[in-house]
Protein backbone atom coordinates (compact mmCIF):
# COMPACT_ATOMS: atom_id res chain seq x y z
CA MET A 1 0.00 0.00 0.00
CA ARG A 2 1.37 3.43 -0.95
CA LEU A 3 0.70 6.17 1.60
CA GLN A 4 1.32 9.87 1.18
CA SER A 5 3.65 11.23 3.84
CA ALA A 6 1.30 14.06 4.81
CA LEU A 7 -1.44 11.54 5.62
CA LEU A 8 0.74 8.92 7.25
CA LEU A 9 -0.47 9.40 10.83
CA LEU A 10 -4.10 9.30 9.75
CA ALA A 11 -3.97 6.66 7.05
CA LEU A 12 -2.55 3.78 9.05
CA SER A 13 -5.31 1.34 9.83
CA GLY A 14 -5.96 -1.90 11.67
CA PRO A 15 -7.34 -2.74 15.10
CA ALA A 16 -4.11 -2.30 17.04
CA LEU A 17 -3.21 1.06 15.52
CA ALA A 18 -6.76 2.37 15.82
CA GLN A 19 -6.78 1.74 19.58
CA ALA A 20 -3.17 2.49 20.49
CA THR A 21 -2.02 6.10 20.12
CA LEU A 22 1.13 8.10 20.82
CA SER A 23 1.43 11.79 21.64
CA LEU A 24 4.48 13.97 22.27
CA ASN A 25 3.87 16.76 24.78
CA GLY A 26 0.17 16.36 24.08
CA SER A 27 0.30 16.40 20.28
CA THR A 28 1.24 14.19 17.34
CA THR A 29 4.09 16.61 16.59
CA ALA A 30 6.53 18.33 18.92
CA THR A 31 9.30 20.86 18.31
CA LEU A 32 11.97 21.15 20.99
CA PRO A 33 15.47 22.60 21.35
CA PRO A 34 18.44 20.57 22.60
CA GLY A 35 17.99 20.26 26.35
CA GLY A 36 14.20 20.37 26.06
CA ILE A 37 11.91 17.96 27.89
CA LEU A 38 9.91 15.43 25.87
CA VAL A 39 6.94 13.59 27.37
CA ALA A 40 5.80 10.65 25.22
CA THR A 41 2.38 9.28 26.16
CA ALA A 42 1.12 6.01 24.67
CA THR A 43 -2.19 4.24 25.13
CA LEU A 44 -1.39 0.53 25.25
CA PRO A 45 -2.83 -2.65 26.78
CA PRO A 46 -2.48 -2.60 30.60
CA GLY A 47 0.06 -4.95 32.13
CA THR A 48 2.12 -5.37 28.96
CA PRO A 49 5.88 -4.69 28.60
CA ALA A 50 6.21 -1.54 26.52
CA VAL A 51 8.79 0.80 25.02
CA ILE A 52 8.94 3.89 22.81
CA ALA A 53 11.00 3.41 19.65
CA TYR A 54 12.34 6.07 17.28
CA ASP A 55 13.90 6.29 13.85
CA VAL A 56 14.99 8.88 11.27
CA SER A 57 12.54 7.39 8.75
CA ARG A 58 8.77 7.20 9.01
CA ARG A 59 8.39 5.03 5.91
CA PRO A 60 5.82 2.49 7.09
CA ALA A 61 7.34 -0.94 7.50
CA SER A 62 5.27 -4.10 7.36
CA ILE A 63 5.56 -6.21 10.51
CA PHE A 64 3.66 -9.49 10.22
CA GLY A 65 1.45 -7.81 7.66
CA GLU A 66 0.75 -4.79 9.86
CA LEU A 67 1.93 -1.33 8.77
CA VAL A 68 4.06 0.36 11.44
CA PRO A 69 4.92 4.10 11.20
CA LEU A 70 8.71 3.59 11.39
CA GLY A 71 11.21 2.78 8.67
CA PHE A 72 13.26 0.47 10.95
CA THR A 73 16.52 1.70 9.42
CA THR A 74 19.91 1.05 10.99
CA VAL A 75 19.33 4.20 13.09
CA ALA A 76 16.18 2.76 14.70
CA ARG A 77 16.48 2.65 18.48
CA ARG A 78 14.32 2.26 21.54
CA GLY A 79 13.97 5.13 23.97
CA ARG A 80 14.43 4.71 27.70
CA ARG A 81 14.47 1.22 29.18
CA PRO A 82 11.24 -0.79 28.71
CA GLY A 83 8.51 -0.53 31.30
CA VAL A 84 5.13 -2.06 32.08
CA VAL A 85 1.92 -0.34 31.07
CA PRO A 86 -0.04 0.54 34.24
CA ASP A 87 -3.68 -0.40 34.83
CA SER A 88 -4.73 2.94 33.38
CA GLY A 89 -3.42 1.86 29.98
CA ILE A 90 -1.38 5.08 29.79
CA PHE A 91 2.36 4.50 29.33
CA VAL A 92 4.45 7.65 29.87
CA SER A 93 8.13 8.10 29.07
CA THR A 94 9.89 11.39 29.86
CA VAL A 95 13.29 12.18 28.39
CA THR A 96 15.60 15.16 28.04
CA ILE A 97 16.74 15.89 24.49
CA PRO A 98 20.55 15.58 24.44
CA ASP A 99 22.18 18.99 24.54
CA LEU A 100 24.10 18.46 21.30
CA ALA A 101 24.34 21.15 18.64
CA PHE A 102 24.47 18.70 15.72
CA LEU A 103 20.92 17.53 16.51
CA VAL A 104 19.47 20.91 15.51
CA GLY A 105 17.52 20.51 12.27
CA SER A 106 16.91 16.79 12.80
CA ASP A 107 13.52 15.07 12.69
CA PHE A 108 12.74 11.84 14.52
CA TYR A 109 9.72 9.58 14.17
CA LEU A 110 8.43 7.72 17.20
CA CYS A 111 6.14 4.79 17.84
CA GLY A 112 5.09 2.95 20.98
CA LEU A 113 4.95 -0.83 21.12
CA ALA A 114 3.99 -3.45 23.68
CA ILE A 115 4.28 -7.23 23.89
CA ASP A 116 0.61 -8.18 23.86
CA PRO A 117 -0.47 -11.85 23.78
CA ASN A 118 -3.97 -10.74 22.81
CA ASP A 119 -2.76 -9.04 19.66
CA PRO A 120 -2.93 -11.22 16.52
CA ASN A 121 0.78 -10.49 15.88
CA GLY A 122 1.83 -10.56 19.52
CA ILE A 123 2.88 -6.89 19.40
CA ALA A 124 0.64 -3.85 19.76
CA PHE A 125 1.89 -0.78 17.90
CA THR A 126 0.74 2.81 18.40
CA THR A 127 0.21 5.48 15.81
CA GLY A 128 3.28 7.53 14.94
CA ALA A 129 4.42 10.94 16.14
CA THR A 130 7.11 13.36 14.97
CA LEU A 131 9.80 15.15 16.98
CA SER A 132 11.69 18.07 15.41
CA ILE A 133 14.83 19.48 17.02
CA ARG A 134 14.92 23.22 16.46
CA ILE A 135 16.10 26.36 18.24
CA ALA A 136 13.49 29.12 18.20
CA SER A 137 14.61 32.74 18.16
CA ASN A 138 13.91 34.42 21.49
CA ALA A 139 15.20 37.90 22.23
CA GLY A 140 13.83 37.91 25.77
CA CYS A 141 11.68 40.59 27.37
CA ASP A 142 11.44 44.19 26.17
CA ARG A 143 14.04 46.43 27.80
CA ALA A 144 14.05 50.17 28.40
CA ALA A 145 16.85 52.47 29.53
CA PHE A 146 17.66 56.13 30.06
CA THR A 147 20.07 57.94 27.80
CA GLY A 148 23.60 56.77 28.45
CA GLU A 149 22.50 53.72 30.44
CA THR A 150 23.86 50.33 29.41
CA ILE A 151 21.56 47.31 29.31
CA ALA A 152 22.01 43.71 28.17
CA PHE A 153 19.57 41.63 26.20
CA ASP A 154 18.91 38.07 27.36
CA GLY A 155 18.81 35.33 24.73
CA GLY A 156 19.33 32.57 27.27
CA ALA A 157 15.87 31.10 26.51
CA MET A 158 17.26 29.86 23.20
CA ARG A 159 19.57 27.52 25.13
CA PRO A 160 17.55 26.33 28.12
CA ARG A 161 20.08 23.92 29.60
CA PRO A 162 22.69 25.29 29.95
CA ALA A 163 22.19 28.91 28.89
CA SER A 164 25.40 29.02 26.86
CA LEU A 165 26.42 28.24 23.30
CA LEU A 166 27.74 24.80 22.44
CA PRO A 167 30.44 24.13 19.82
CA GLY A 168 28.72 24.43 16.46
CA ASP A 169 25.99 26.79 17.74
CA ALA A 170 25.71 30.28 16.27
CA VAL A 171 23.59 33.31 17.10
CA SER A 172 23.38 36.72 15.49
CA TRP A 173 21.47 39.80 16.70
CA GLN A 174 20.13 42.36 14.26
CA ILE A 175 18.72 45.89 14.49
CA LEU A 176 15.26 45.83 12.92
CA SER A 177 14.45 49.52 13.15
CA ALA A 178 15.80 52.76 14.60
CA PRO A 179 15.15 56.47 14.06
CA ALA A 180 17.33 58.25 11.55
CA GLY A 181 20.63 59.31 13.04
CA ALA A 182 20.54 56.85 15.93
CA TRP A 183 23.05 54.41 14.38
CA PRO A 184 22.64 51.76 17.11
CA ARG A 185 24.97 48.82 17.21
CA PHE A 186 25.59 45.75 19.37
CA ALA A 187 28.50 44.79 21.54
CA GLY A 188 28.63 40.99 21.61
CA ALA A 189 26.27 40.53 18.66
CA THR A 190 27.21 36.85 18.36
CA THR A 191 26.60 36.01 22.03
CA LEU A 192 23.42 35.20 23.96
CA TYR A 193 23.72 38.40 26.00
CA PRO A 194 24.53 41.33 23.68
CA THR A 195 24.61 44.96 24.73
CA PRO A 196 22.89 47.51 22.46
CA LEU A 197 24.87 50.72 22.12
CA PRO A 198 22.75 53.49 20.56
CA ILE A 199 24.83 56.59 19.92
CA SER A 200 21.87 58.94 20.36
CA PRO A 201 18.57 58.71 22.29
CA ALA A 202 16.34 56.45 20.26
CA ILE A 203 13.78 53.67 20.32
CA THR A 204 15.08 50.65 18.50
CA SER A 205 13.65 47.22 17.71
CA SER A 206 15.90 44.17 17.79
CA ARG A 207 15.76 40.44 17.31
């Protein structure tokens, strides 16, 4: 069966997939920076051994005739150590995204699975979910100062843990607008905490 990528999460069918679902931070898609917290929640049969698996491919693979929303490439891995689904049928796995700069721009595809003797194939699979590793621009709160006063912007929210740049990271601050003749500039424009240095009194907008 050929499935369009945009409809993958909706098009998968079958009893197990229809009943077992996976969400990431409450949605089928999640975007987090390195160091962010991911909460994967799967609905699976109570009392069964379960795990969350991930891969760099979401090409549906056929497992015992059942389409599973993972490509099962050589990169395919399981998440944290397996656990047992509680009586509620809600299996939760919480992980911290590794604080590695090279992960930025990557997409991962996740699926929950459980060893279920009541499943025709012996394994219950959830629907798929997508995790994107991105760093969102965040210039911090608005700042105001009197003429001649020095302030520092705070871009630490772009690197939540720790609030410092890793090897391979890059940041650049820009002046978006300023009155004619102000000629503002930044000291430390490639750091998380730059200092705007307007030459004359002015209201400027930065990012």
